[in-house]
């Protein structure tokens, strides 16, 4: 069914990411789960976990290099990792907003 497709899911240790990893692995996809702490992730048959912090460019590069060294390709990326700040937005400090915001890509944002 999967035709040996390689799938990477960030935030694969819980919630939607974990459920997606479980479903895709059960359907024959080759799964790599990106998590902050692989030792804390629930083991899912067919899912290989690697360490990634999506707020750290070096961590992302190392994770991608690992997946490519193991699988040779990435066919599908499910970018699911996220963080939550539990407070009113007006109480969010500039440093918190900077840490948890999406990066600005040169040329794409005015």
PDB file of N, CA and C in Angstrom:
ATOM      1  N   UNK A   1       0.812  -1.205   0.000  1.00  0.00           N
ATOM      2  CA  UNK A   1       0.000   0.000   0.000  1.00  0.00           C
ATOM      3  C   UNK A   1       0.854   1.267   0.000  1.00  0.00           C
ATOM      4  N   UNK A   2       1.954   1.292   0.754  1.00  0.00           N
ATOM      5  CA  UNK A   2       2.753   2.499   0.885  1.00  0.00           C
ATOM      6  C   UNK A   2       3.804   2.645  -0.217  1.00  0.00           C
ATOM      7  N   UNK A   3       4.072   1.550  -0.955  1.00  0.00           N
ATOM      8  CA  UNK A   3       5.122   1.567  -1.968  1.00  0.00           C
ATOM      9  C   UNK A   3       6.463   1.988  -1.385  1.00  0.00           C
ATOM     10  N   UNK A   4       6.730   1.593  -0.123  1.00  0.00           N
ATOM     11  CA  UNK A   4       7.979   1.881   0.575  1.00  0.00           C
ATOM     12  C   UNK A   4       8.236   3.376   0.736  1.00  0.00           C
ATOM     13  N   UNK A   5       7.210   4.139   0.950  1.00  0.00           N
ATOM     14  CA  UNK A   5       7.341   5.578   1.165  1.00  0.00           C
ATOM     15  C   UNK A   5       7.930   5.861   2.542  1.00  0.00           C
ATOM     16  N   UNK A   6       8.820   6.844   2.606  1.00  0.00           N
ATOM     17  CA  UNK A   6       9.459   7.243   3.859  1.00  0.00           C
ATOM     18  C   UNK A   6       8.736   8.476   4.382  1.00  0.00           C
ATOM     19  N   UNK A   7       8.246   8.370   5.611  1.00  0.00           N
ATOM     20  CA  UNK A   7       7.494   9.454   6.229  1.00  0.00           C
ATOM     21  C   UNK A   7       8.239   9.937   7.467  1.00  0.00           C
ATOM     22  N   UNK A   8       8.338  11.249   7.609  1.00  0.00           N
ATOM     23  CA  UNK A   8       8.884  11.874   8.809  1.00  0.00           C
ATOM     24  C   UNK A   8       7.755  12.640   9.470  1.00  0.00           C
ATOM     25  N   UNK A   9       7.577  12.390  10.762  1.00  0.00           N
ATOM     26  CA  UNK A   9       6.574  13.115  11.544  1.00  0.00           C
ATOM     27  C   UNK A   9       7.277  13.768  12.722  1.00  0.00           C
ATOM     28  N   UNK A  10       7.217  15.103  12.794  1.00  0.00           N
ATOM     29  CA  UNK A  10       7.736  15.777  13.974  1.00  0.00           C
ATOM     30  C   UNK A  10       6.641  15.795  15.035  1.00  0.00           C
ATOM     31  N   UNK A  11       7.042  15.830  16.284  1.00  0.00           N
ATOM     32  CA  UNK A  11       6.062  15.793  17.366  1.00  0.00           C
ATOM     33  C   UNK A  11       5.352  14.453  17.429  1.00  0.00           C
ATOM     34  N   UNK A  12       6.104  13.370  17.193  1.00  0.00           N
ATOM     35  CA  UNK A  12       5.508  12.038  17.087  1.00  0.00           C
ATOM     36  C   UNK A  12       5.347  11.317  18.419  1.00  0.00           C
ATOM     37  N   UNK A  13       5.647  11.980  19.524  1.00  0.00           N
ATOM     38  CA  UNK A  13       5.608  11.271  20.812  1.00  0.00           C
ATOM     39  C   UNK A  13       4.254  11.324  21.505  1.00  0.00           C
ATOM     40  N   UNK A  14       3.342  12.150  21.007  1.00  0.00           N
ATOM     41  CA  UNK A  14       2.027  12.224  21.659  1.00  0.00           C
ATOM     42  C   UNK A  14       1.002  12.834  20.708  1.00  0.00           C
ATOM     43  N   UNK A  15      -0.242  12.725  21.115  1.00  0.00           N
ATOM     44  CA  UNK A  15      -1.341  13.382  20.408  1.00  0.00           C
ATOM     45  C   UNK A  15      -1.487  12.974  18.961  1.00  0.00           C
ATOM     46  N   UNK A  16      -1.745  13.965  18.110  1.00  0.00           N
ATOM     47  CA  UNK A  16      -1.978  13.726  16.688  1.00  0.00           C
ATOM     48  C   UNK A  16      -0.753  13.116  16.021  1.00  0.00           C
ATOM     49  N   UNK A  17       0.437  13.561  16.397  1.00  0.00           N
ATOM     50  CA  UNK A  17       1.655  13.006  15.810  1.00  0.00           C
ATOM     51  C   UNK A  17       1.816  11.530  16.109  1.00  0.00           C
ATOM     52  N   UNK A  18       1.567  11.135  17.350  1.00  0.00           N
ATOM     53  CA  UNK A  18       1.664   9.724  17.729  1.00  0.00           C
ATOM     54  C   UNK A  18       0.603   8.897  17.003  1.00  0.00           C
ATOM     55  N   UNK A  19      -0.621   9.384  16.954  1.00  0.00           N
ATOM     56  CA  UNK A  19      -1.707   8.666  16.279  1.00  0.00           C
ATOM     57  C   UNK A  19      -1.415   8.528  14.785  1.00  0.00           C
ATOM     58  N   UNK A  20      -0.886   9.573  14.178  1.00  0.00           N
ATOM     59  CA  UNK A  20      -0.543   9.521  12.750  1.00  0.00           C
ATOM     60  C   UNK A  20       0.567   8.511  12.503  1.00  0.00           C
ATOM     61  N   UNK A  21       1.581   8.521  13.357  1.00  0.00           N
ATOM     62  CA  UNK A  21       2.689   7.575  13.219  1.00  0.00           C
ATOM     63  C   UNK A  21       2.189   6.142  13.337  1.00  0.00           C
ATOM     64  N   UNK A  22       1.332   5.901  14.306  1.00  0.00           N
ATOM     65  CA  UNK A  22       0.785   4.558  14.517  1.00  0.00           C
ATOM     66  C   UNK A  22       0.005   4.090  13.271  1.00  0.00           C
ATOM     67  N   UNK A  23      -0.861   4.935  12.748  1.00  0.00           N
ATOM     68  CA  UNK A  23      -1.684   4.584  11.590  1.00  0.00           C
ATOM     69  C   UNK A  23      -0.832   4.323  10.347  1.00  0.00           C
ATOM     70  N   UNK A  24       0.110   5.218  10.088  1.00  0.00           N
ATOM     71  CA  UNK A  24       0.935   5.066   8.886  1.00  0.00           C
ATOM     72  C   UNK A  24       1.849   3.852   8.988  1.00  0.00           C
ATOM     73  N   UNK A  25       2.416   3.595  10.168  1.00  0.00           N
ATOM     74  CA  UNK A  25       3.265   2.413  10.347  1.00  0.00           C
ATOM     75  C   UNK A  25       2.451   1.135  10.147  1.00  0.00           C
ATOM     76  N   UNK A  26       1.223   1.123  10.642  1.00  0.00           N
ATOM     77  CA  UNK A  26       0.360  -0.047  10.468  1.00  0.00           C
ATOM     78  C   UNK A  26       0.024  -0.299   9.001  1.00  0.00           C
ATOM     79  N   UNK A  27       0.124   0.756   8.197  1.00  0.00           N
ATOM     80  CA  UNK A  27      -0.188   0.634   6.773  1.00  0.00           C
ATOM     81  C   UNK A  27       1.062   0.519   5.901  1.00  0.00           C
ATOM     82  N   UNK A  28       2.185   0.172   6.518  1.00  0.00           N
ATOM     83  CA  UNK A  28       3.374  -0.182   5.767  1.00  0.00           C
ATOM     84  C   UNK A  28       4.320   0.933   5.392  1.00  0.00           C
ATOM     85  N   UNK A  29       4.080   2.146   5.842  1.00  0.00           N
ATOM     86  CA  UNK A  29       5.009   3.227   5.557  1.00  0.00           C
ATOM     87  C   UNK A  29       6.244   3.080   6.433  1.00  0.00           C
ATOM     88  N   UNK A  30       7.388   3.526   5.935  1.00  0.00           N
ATOM     89  CA  UNK A  30       8.609   3.546   6.722  1.00  0.00           C
ATOM     90  C   UNK A  30       8.598   4.854   7.517  1.00  0.00           C
ATOM     91  N   UNK A  31       8.501   4.758   8.838  1.00  0.00           N
ATOM     92  CA  UNK A  31       8.257   5.923   9.685  1.00  0.00           C
ATOM     93  C   UNK A  31       9.460   6.325  10.514  1.00  0.00           C
ATOM     94  N   UNK A  32       9.745   7.631  10.505  1.00  0.00           N
ATOM     95  CA  UNK A  32      10.739   8.225  11.373  1.00  0.00           C
ATOM     96  C   UNK A  32      10.031   9.305  12.182  1.00  0.00           C
ATOM     97  N   UNK A  33      10.053   9.139  13.487  1.00  0.00           N
ATOM     98  CA  UNK A  33       9.394  10.093  14.371  1.00  0.00           C
ATOM     99  C   UNK A  33      10.401  11.023  15.001  1.00  0.00           C
ATOM    100  N   UNK A  34      10.189  12.297  14.828  1.00  0.00           N
ATOM    101  CA  UNK A  34      11.040  13.296  15.460  1.00  0.00           C
ATOM    102  C   UNK A  34      10.453  13.688  16.802  1.00  0.00           C
ATOM    103  N   UNK A  35      11.251  13.536  17.856  1.00  0.00           N
ATOM    104  CA  UNK A  35      10.803  13.850  19.210  1.00  0.00           C
ATOM    105  C   UNK A  35      11.949  14.508  19.968  1.00  0.00           C
ATOM    106  N   UNK A  36      11.605  15.256  21.021  1.00  0.00           N
ATOM    107  CA  UNK A  36      12.660  15.883  21.820  1.00  0.00           C
ATOM    108  C   UNK A  36      13.418  14.865  22.654  1.00  0.00           C
ATOM    109  N   UNK A  37      12.731  13.811  23.111  1.00  0.00           N
ATOM    110  CA  UNK A  37      13.375  12.805  23.949  1.00  0.00           C
ATOM    111  C   UNK A  37      12.888  11.415  23.538  1.00  0.00           C
ATOM    112  N   UNK A  38      13.649  10.710  22.697  1.00  0.00           N
ATOM    113  CA  UNK A  38      13.211   9.393  22.221  1.00  0.00           C
ATOM    114  C   UNK A  38      12.937   8.389  23.340  1.00  0.00           C
ATOM    115  N   UNK A  39      13.622   8.502  24.468  1.00  0.00           N
ATOM    116  CA  UNK A  39      13.410   7.560  25.563  1.00  0.00           C
ATOM    117  C   UNK A  39      12.023   7.707  26.190  1.00  0.00           C
ATOM    118  N   UNK A  40      11.395   8.838  26.023  1.00  0.00           N
ATOM    119  CA  UNK A  40      10.070   9.067  26.604  1.00  0.00           C
ATOM    120  C   UNK A  40       8.928   8.781  25.629  1.00  0.00           C
ATOM    121  N   UNK A  41       9.258   8.489  24.379  1.00  0.00           N
ATOM    122  CA  UNK A  41       8.224   8.212  23.370  1.00  0.00           C
ATOM    123  C   UNK A  41       7.685   6.796  23.559  1.00  0.00           C
ATOM    124  N   UNK A  42       6.382   6.642  23.355  1.00  0.00           N
ATOM    125  CA  UNK A  42       5.771   5.317  23.397  1.00  0.00           C
ATOM    126  C   UNK A  42       6.238   4.517  22.190  1.00  0.00           C
ATOM    127  N   UNK A  43       6.745   3.317  22.448  1.00  0.00           N
ATOM    128  CA  UNK A  43       7.224   2.477  21.346  1.00  0.00           C
ATOM    129  C   UNK A  43       6.060   2.082  20.449  1.00  0.00           C
ATOM    130  N   UNK A  44       6.246   2.275  19.159  1.00  0.00           N
ATOM    131  CA  UNK A  44       5.254   1.879  18.154  1.00  0.00           C
ATOM    132  C   UNK A  44       5.994   0.997  17.153  1.00  0.00           C
ATOM    133  N   UNK A  45       5.521  -0.223  16.927  1.00  0.00           N
ATOM    134  CA  UNK A  45       6.176  -1.088  15.948  1.00  0.00           C
ATOM    135  C   UNK A  45       6.274  -0.392  14.588  1.00  0.00           C
ATOM    136  N   UNK A  46       7.483  -0.405  14.031  1.00  0.00           N
ATOM    137  CA  UNK A  46       7.693   0.194  12.718  1.00  0.00           C
ATOM    138  C   UNK A  46       8.073   1.658  12.733  1.00  0.00           C
ATOM    139  N   UNK A  47       8.134   2.267  13.913  1.00  0.00           N
ATOM    140  CA  UNK A  47       8.515   3.678  14.007  1.00  0.00           C
ATOM    141  C   UNK A  47       9.894   3.771  14.645  1.00  0.00           C
ATOM    142  N   UNK A  48      10.783   4.485  13.980  1.00  0.00           N
ATOM    143  CA  UNK A  48      12.120   4.747  14.526  1.00  0.00           C
ATOM    144  C   UNK A  48      12.140   6.201  14.973  1.00  0.00           C
ATOM    145  N   UNK A  49      12.528   6.404  16.219  1.00  0.00           N
ATOM    146  CA  UNK A  49      12.535   7.755  16.783  1.00  0.00           C
ATOM    147  C   UNK A  49      13.933   8.349  16.757  1.00  0.00           C
ATOM    148  N   UNK A  50      13.976   9.634  16.469  1.00  0.00           N
ATOM    149  CA  UNK A  50      15.217  10.389  16.521  1.00  0.00           C
ATOM    150  C   UNK A  50      14.971  11.697  17.239  1.00  0.00           C
ATOM    151  N   UNK A  51      16.036  12.237  17.796  1.00  0.00           N
ATOM    152  CA  UNK A  51      15.941  13.484  18.550  1.00  0.00           C
ATOM    153  C   UNK A  51      15.903  14.677  17.604  1.00  0.00           C
ATOM    154  N   UNK A  52      14.899  15.539  17.828  1.00  0.00           N
ATOM    155  CA  UNK A  52      14.830  16.794  17.083  1.00  0.00           C
ATOM    156  C   UNK A  52      14.097  17.832  17.916  1.00  0.00           C
ATOM    157  N   UNK A  53      14.647  19.028  17.924  1.00  0.00           N
ATOM    158  CA  UNK A  53      13.998  20.198  18.512  1.00  0.00           C
ATOM    159  C   UNK A  53      13.784  21.167  17.359  1.00  0.00           C
ATOM    160  N   UNK A  54      12.546  21.333  16.941  1.00  0.00           N
ATOM    161  CA  UNK A  54      12.268  22.129  15.741  1.00  0.00           C
ATOM    162  C   UNK A  54      12.550  23.609  15.924  1.00  0.00           C
ATOM    163  N   UNK A  55      12.859  24.048  17.131  1.00  0.00           N
ATOM    164  CA  UNK A  55      13.238  25.446  17.355  1.00  0.00           C
ATOM    165  C   UNK A  55      14.743  25.646  17.221  1.00  0.00           C
ATOM    166  N   UNK A  56      15.471  24.575  16.907  1.00  0.00           N
ATOM    167  CA  UNK A  56      16.932  24.623  16.818  1.00  0.00           C
ATOM    168  C   UNK A  56      17.360  24.128  15.434  1.00  0.00           C
ATOM    169  N   UNK A  57      17.868  25.033  14.607  1.00  0.00           N
ATOM    170  CA  UNK A  57      18.236  24.683  13.236  1.00  0.00           C
ATOM    171  C   UNK A  57      19.240  23.539  13.164  1.00  0.00           C
ATOM    172  N   UNK A  58      20.232  23.524  14.051  1.00  0.00           N
ATOM    173  CA  UNK A  58      21.235  22.457  14.043  1.00  0.00           C
ATOM    174  C   UNK A  58      20.594  21.109  14.362  1.00  0.00           C
ATOM    175  N   UNK A  59      19.666  21.100  15.303  1.00  0.00           N
ATOM    176  CA  UNK A  59      18.967  19.870  15.659  1.00  0.00           C
ATOM    177  C   UNK A  59      18.166  19.343  14.468  1.00  0.00           C
ATOM    178  N   UNK A  60      17.492  20.236  13.765  1.00  0.00           N
ATOM    179  CA  UNK A  60      16.711  19.843  12.591  1.00  0.00           C
ATOM    180  C   UNK A  60      17.637  19.276  11.513  1.00  0.00           C
ATOM    181  N   UNK A  61      18.732  19.937  11.252  1.00  0.00           N
ATOM    182  CA  UNK A  61      19.692  19.462  10.240  1.00  0.00           C
ATOM    183  C   UNK A  61      20.236  18.082  10.601  1.00  0.00           C
ATOM    184  N   UNK A  62      20.598  17.892  11.876  1.00  0.00           N
ATOM    185  CA  UNK A  62      21.122  16.596  12.303  1.00  0.00           C
ATOM    186  C   UNK A  62      20.075  15.498  12.155  1.00  0.00           C
ATOM    187  N   UNK A  63      18.834  15.806  12.491  1.00  0.00           N
ATOM    188  CA  UNK A  63      17.757  14.823  12.363  1.00  0.00           C
ATOM    189  C   UNK A  63      17.539  14.445  10.905  1.00  0.00           C
ATOM    190  N   UNK A  64      17.472  15.438  10.033  1.00  0.00           N
ATOM    191  CA  UNK A  64      17.265  15.177   8.597  1.00  0.00           C
ATOM    192  C   UNK A  64      18.429  14.354   8.040  1.00  0.00           C
ATOM    193  N   UNK A  65      19.651  14.704   8.418  1.00  0.00           N
ATOM    194  CA  UNK A  65      20.812  13.933   7.966  1.00  0.00           C
ATOM    195  C   UNK A  65      20.717  12.482   8.424  1.00  0.00           C
ATOM    196  N   UNK A  66      20.261  12.271   9.666  1.00  0.00           N
ATOM    197  CA  UNK A  66      20.105  10.909  10.188  1.00  0.00           C
ATOM    198  C   UNK A  66      19.073  10.136   9.364  1.00  0.00           C
ATOM    199  N   UNK A  67      17.916  10.747   9.123  1.00  0.00           N
ATOM    200  CA  UNK A  67      16.882  10.065   8.339  1.00  0.00           C
ATOM    201  C   UNK A  67      17.412   9.727   6.944  1.00  0.00           C
ATOM    202  N   UNK A  68      18.065  10.671   6.308  1.00  0.00           N
ATOM    203  CA  UNK A  68      18.587  10.426   4.963  1.00  0.00           C
ATOM    204  C   UNK A  68      19.666   9.349   4.956  1.00  0.00           C
ATOM    205  N   UNK A  69      20.475   9.291   6.008  1.00  0.00           N
ATOM    206  CA  UNK A  69      21.501   8.243   6.078  1.00  0.00           C
ATOM    207  C   UNK A  69      20.876   6.870   6.279  1.00  0.00           C
ATOM    208  N   UNK A  70      19.738   6.812   6.950  1.00  0.00           N
ATOM    209  CA  UNK A  70      19.051   5.544   7.210  1.00  0.00           C
ATOM    210  C   UNK A  70      18.142   5.117   6.053  1.00  0.00           C
ATOM    211  N   UNK A  71      17.438   6.072   5.460  1.00  0.00           N
ATOM    212  CA  UNK A  71      16.416   5.736   4.460  1.00  0.00           C
ATOM    213  C   UNK A  71      16.779   6.172   3.047  1.00  0.00           C
ATOM    214  N   UNK A  72      17.683   7.130   2.923  1.00  0.00           N
ATOM    215  CA  UNK A  72      18.089   7.599   1.600  1.00  0.00           C
ATOM    216  C   UNK A  72      17.173   8.631   0.980  1.00  0.00           C
ATOM    217  N   UNK A  73      16.027   8.869   1.607  1.00  0.00           N
ATOM    218  CA  UNK A  73      15.074   9.828   1.048  1.00  0.00           C
ATOM    219  C   UNK A  73      14.020  10.165   2.102  1.00  0.00           C
ATOM    220  N   UNK A  74      13.290  11.218   1.834  1.00  0.00           N
ATOM    221  CA  UNK A  74      12.093  11.561   2.607  1.00  0.00           C
ATOM    222  C   UNK A  74      11.010  11.852   1.585  1.00  0.00           C
ATOM    223  N   UNK A  75       9.942  11.058   1.608  1.00  0.00           N
ATOM    224  CA  UNK A  75       8.849  11.256   0.664  1.00  0.00           C
ATOM    225  C   UNK A  75       7.776  12.184   1.214  1.00  0.00           C
ATOM    226  N   UNK A  76       7.512  12.061   2.512  1.00  0.00           N
ATOM    227  CA  UNK A  76       6.422  12.821   3.128  1.00  0.00           C
ATOM    228  C   UNK A  76       6.902  13.384   4.452  1.00  0.00           C
ATOM    229  N   UNK A  77       6.623  14.671   4.676  1.00  0.00           N
ATOM    230  CA  UNK A  77       6.909  15.313   5.956  1.00  0.00           C
ATOM    231  C   UNK A  77       5.591  15.766   6.562  1.00  0.00           C
ATOM    232  N   UNK A  78       5.346  15.341   7.787  1.00  0.00           N
ATOM    233  CA  UNK A  78       4.206  15.841   8.550  1.00  0.00           C
ATOM    234  C   UNK A  78       4.804  16.667   9.680  1.00  0.00           C
ATOM    235  N   UNK A  79       4.765  17.973   9.494  1.00  0.00           N
ATOM    236  CA  UNK A  79       5.380  18.903  10.440  1.00  0.00           C
ATOM    237  C   UNK A  79       4.369  19.203  11.543  1.00  0.00           C
ATOM    238  N   UNK A  80       4.362  18.377  12.560  1.00  0.00           N
ATOM    239  CA  UNK A  80       3.341  18.387  13.591  1.00  0.00           C
ATOM    240  C   UNK A  80       3.812  18.964  14.919  1.00  0.00           C
ATOM    241  N   UNK A  81       5.111  19.124  15.109  1.00  0.00           N
ATOM    242  CA  UNK A  81       5.632  19.579  16.400  1.00  0.00           C
ATOM    243  C   UNK A  81       5.077  20.951  16.745  1.00  0.00           C
ATOM    244  N   UNK A  82       4.800  21.141  18.001  1.00  0.00           N
ATOM    245  CA  UNK A  82       4.275  22.428  18.439  1.00  0.00           C
ATOM    246  C   UNK A  82       4.484  22.615  19.922  1.00  0.00           C
ATOM    247  N   UNK A  83       4.302  23.839  20.338  1.00  0.00           N
ATOM    248  CA  UNK A  83       4.397  24.186  21.752  1.00  0.00           C
ATOM    249  C   UNK A  83       3.193  25.030  22.116  1.00  0.00           C
ATOM    250  N   UNK A  84       2.920  25.091  23.387  1.00  0.00           N
ATOM    251  CA  UNK A  84       1.798  25.899  23.865  1.00  0.00           C
ATOM    252  C   UNK A  84       2.276  26.860  24.932  1.00  0.00           C
ATOM    253  N   UNK A  85       1.780  28.046  24.869  1.00  0.00           N
ATOM    254  CA  UNK A  85       1.948  29.009  25.951  1.00  0.00           C
ATOM    255  C   UNK A  85       0.566  29.209  26.553  1.00  0.00           C
ATOM    256  N   UNK A  86       0.452  28.952  27.823  1.00  0.00           N
ATOM    257  CA  UNK A  86      -0.849  29.061  28.474  1.00  0.00           C
ATOM    258  C   UNK A  86      -0.882  30.383  29.234  1.00  0.00           C
ATOM    259  N   UNK A  87      -1.239  31.429  28.519  1.00  0.00           N
ATOM    260  CA  UNK A  87      -1.393  32.755  29.113  1.00  0.00           C
ATOM    261  C   UNK A  87      -2.002  33.665  28.049  1.00  0.00           C
ATOM    262  N   UNK A  88      -2.593  34.751  28.476  1.00  0.00           N
ATOM    263  CA  UNK A  88      -3.103  35.714  27.483  1.00  0.00           C
ATOM    264  C   UNK A  88      -1.943  36.260  26.644  1.00  0.00           C
ATOM    265  N   UNK A  89      -2.193  36.473  25.370  1.00  0.00           N
ATOM    266  CA  UNK A  89      -1.139  36.938  24.477  1.00  0.00           C
ATOM    267  C   UNK A  89      -0.517  38.249  24.959  1.00  0.00           C
ATOM    268  N   UNK A  90      -1.308  39.106  25.594  1.00  0.00           N
ATOM    269  CA  UNK A  90      -0.755  40.381  26.060  1.00  0.00           C
ATOM    270  C   UNK A  90       0.219  40.201  27.225  1.00  0.00           C
ATOM    271  N   UNK A  91       0.216  39.011  27.851  1.00  0.00           N
ATOM    272  CA  UNK A  91       1.165  38.724  28.931  1.00  0.00           C
ATOM    273  C   UNK A  91       2.403  37.973  28.447  1.00  0.00           C
ATOM    274  N   UNK A  92       2.476  37.731  27.157  1.00  0.00           N
ATOM    275  CA  UNK A  92       3.613  37.023  26.584  1.00  0.00           C
ATOM    276  C   UNK A  92       4.762  38.003  26.399  1.00  0.00           C
ATOM    277  N   UNK A  93       5.917  37.650  26.931  1.00  0.00           N
ATOM    278  CA  UNK A  93       7.090  38.518  26.804  1.00  0.00           C
ATOM    279  C   UNK A  93       7.624  38.451  25.377  1.00  0.00           C
ATOM    280  N   UNK A  94       8.362  39.473  24.961  1.00  0.00           N
ATOM    281  CA  UNK A  94       8.964  39.425  23.621  1.00  0.00           C
ATOM    282  C   UNK A  94       9.858  38.194  23.414  1.00  0.00           C
ATOM    283  N   UNK A  95      10.601  37.791  24.444  1.00  0.00           N
ATOM    284  CA  UNK A  95      11.472  36.624  24.284  1.00  0.00           C
ATOM    285  C   UNK A  95      10.661  35.338  24.118  1.00  0.00           C
ATOM    286  N   UNK A  96       9.522  35.208  24.822  1.00  0.00           N
ATOM    287  CA  UNK A  96       8.655  34.044  24.646  1.00  0.00           C
ATOM    288  C   UNK A  96       8.061  34.037  23.240  1.00  0.00           C
ATOM    289  N   UNK A  97       7.607  35.181  22.785  1.00  0.00           N
ATOM    290  CA  UNK A  97       7.026  35.273  21.444  1.00  0.00           C
ATOM    291  C   UNK A  97       8.068  34.911  20.384  1.00  0.00           C
ATOM    292  N   UNK A  98       9.289  35.376  20.555  1.00  0.00           N
ATOM    293  CA  UNK A  98      10.368  35.067  19.613  1.00  0.00           C
ATOM    294  C   UNK A  98      10.690  33.581  19.620  1.00  0.00           C
ATOM    295  N   UNK A  99      10.769  32.994  20.801  1.00  0.00           N
ATOM    296  CA  UNK A  99      11.137  31.573  20.921  1.00  0.00           C
ATOM    297  C   UNK A  99      10.109  30.661  20.270  1.00  0.00           C
ATOM    298  N   UNK A 100       8.829  30.992  20.393  1.00  0.00           N
ATOM    299  CA  UNK A 100       7.779  30.093  19.935  1.00  0.00           C
ATOM    300  C   UNK A 100       7.141  30.512  18.620  1.00  0.00           C
ATOM    301  N   UNK A 101       7.710  31.467  17.929  1.00  0.00           N
ATOM    302  CA  UNK A 101       7.152  31.878  16.649  1.00  0.00           C
ATOM    303  C   UNK A 101       7.815  31.114  15.507  1.00  0.00           C
ATOM    304  N   UNK A 102       7.153  31.095  14.379  1.00  0.00           N
ATOM    305  CA  UNK A 102       7.718  30.455  13.194  1.00  0.00           C
ATOM    306  C   UNK A 102       8.835  31.333  12.671  1.00  0.00           C
ATOM    307  N   UNK A 103       9.877  30.728  12.115  1.00  0.00           N
ATOM    308  CA  UNK A 103      10.966  31.525  11.556  1.00  0.00           C
ATOM    309  C   UNK A 103      10.492  32.315  10.334  1.00  0.00           C
ATOM    310  N   UNK A 104      11.099  33.451  10.116  1.00  0.00           N
ATOM    311  CA  UNK A 104      10.808  34.253   8.932  1.00  0.00           C
ATOM    312  C   UNK A 104      11.792  33.842   7.845  1.00  0.00           C
ATOM    313  N   UNK A 105      11.281  33.459   6.701  1.00  0.00           N
ATOM    314  CA  UNK A 105      12.134  33.038   5.608  1.00  0.00           C
ATOM    315  C   UNK A 105      12.353  34.221   4.689  1.00  0.00           C
ATOM    316  N   UNK A 106      13.610  34.537   4.463  1.00  0.00           N
ATOM    317  CA  UNK A 106      13.980  35.676   3.638  1.00  0.00           C
ATOM    318  C   UNK A 106      13.307  35.596   2.282  1.00  0.00           C
ATOM    319  N   UNK A 107      12.671  36.683   1.879  1.00  0.00           N
ATOM    320  CA  UNK A 107      12.047  36.742   0.577  1.00  0.00           C
ATOM    321  C   UNK A 107      10.584  36.306   0.579  1.00  0.00           C
ATOM    322  N   UNK A 108      10.134  35.638   1.626  1.00  0.00           N
ATOM    323  CA  UNK A 108       8.752  35.175   1.660  1.00  0.00           C
ATOM    324  C   UNK A 108       7.844  36.101   2.471  1.00  0.00           C
ATOM    325  N   UNK A 109       8.421  36.820   3.416  1.00  0.00           N
ATOM    326  CA  UNK A 109       7.622  37.687   4.275  1.00  0.00           C
ATOM    327  C   UNK A 109       8.094  39.131   4.109  1.00  0.00           C
ATOM    328  N   UNK A 110       7.148  40.021   4.084  1.00  0.00           N
ATOM    329  CA  UNK A 110       7.502  41.447   3.925  1.00  0.00           C
ATOM    330  C   UNK A 110       7.873  42.050   5.268  1.00  0.00           C
TER     331      UNK A 110
END
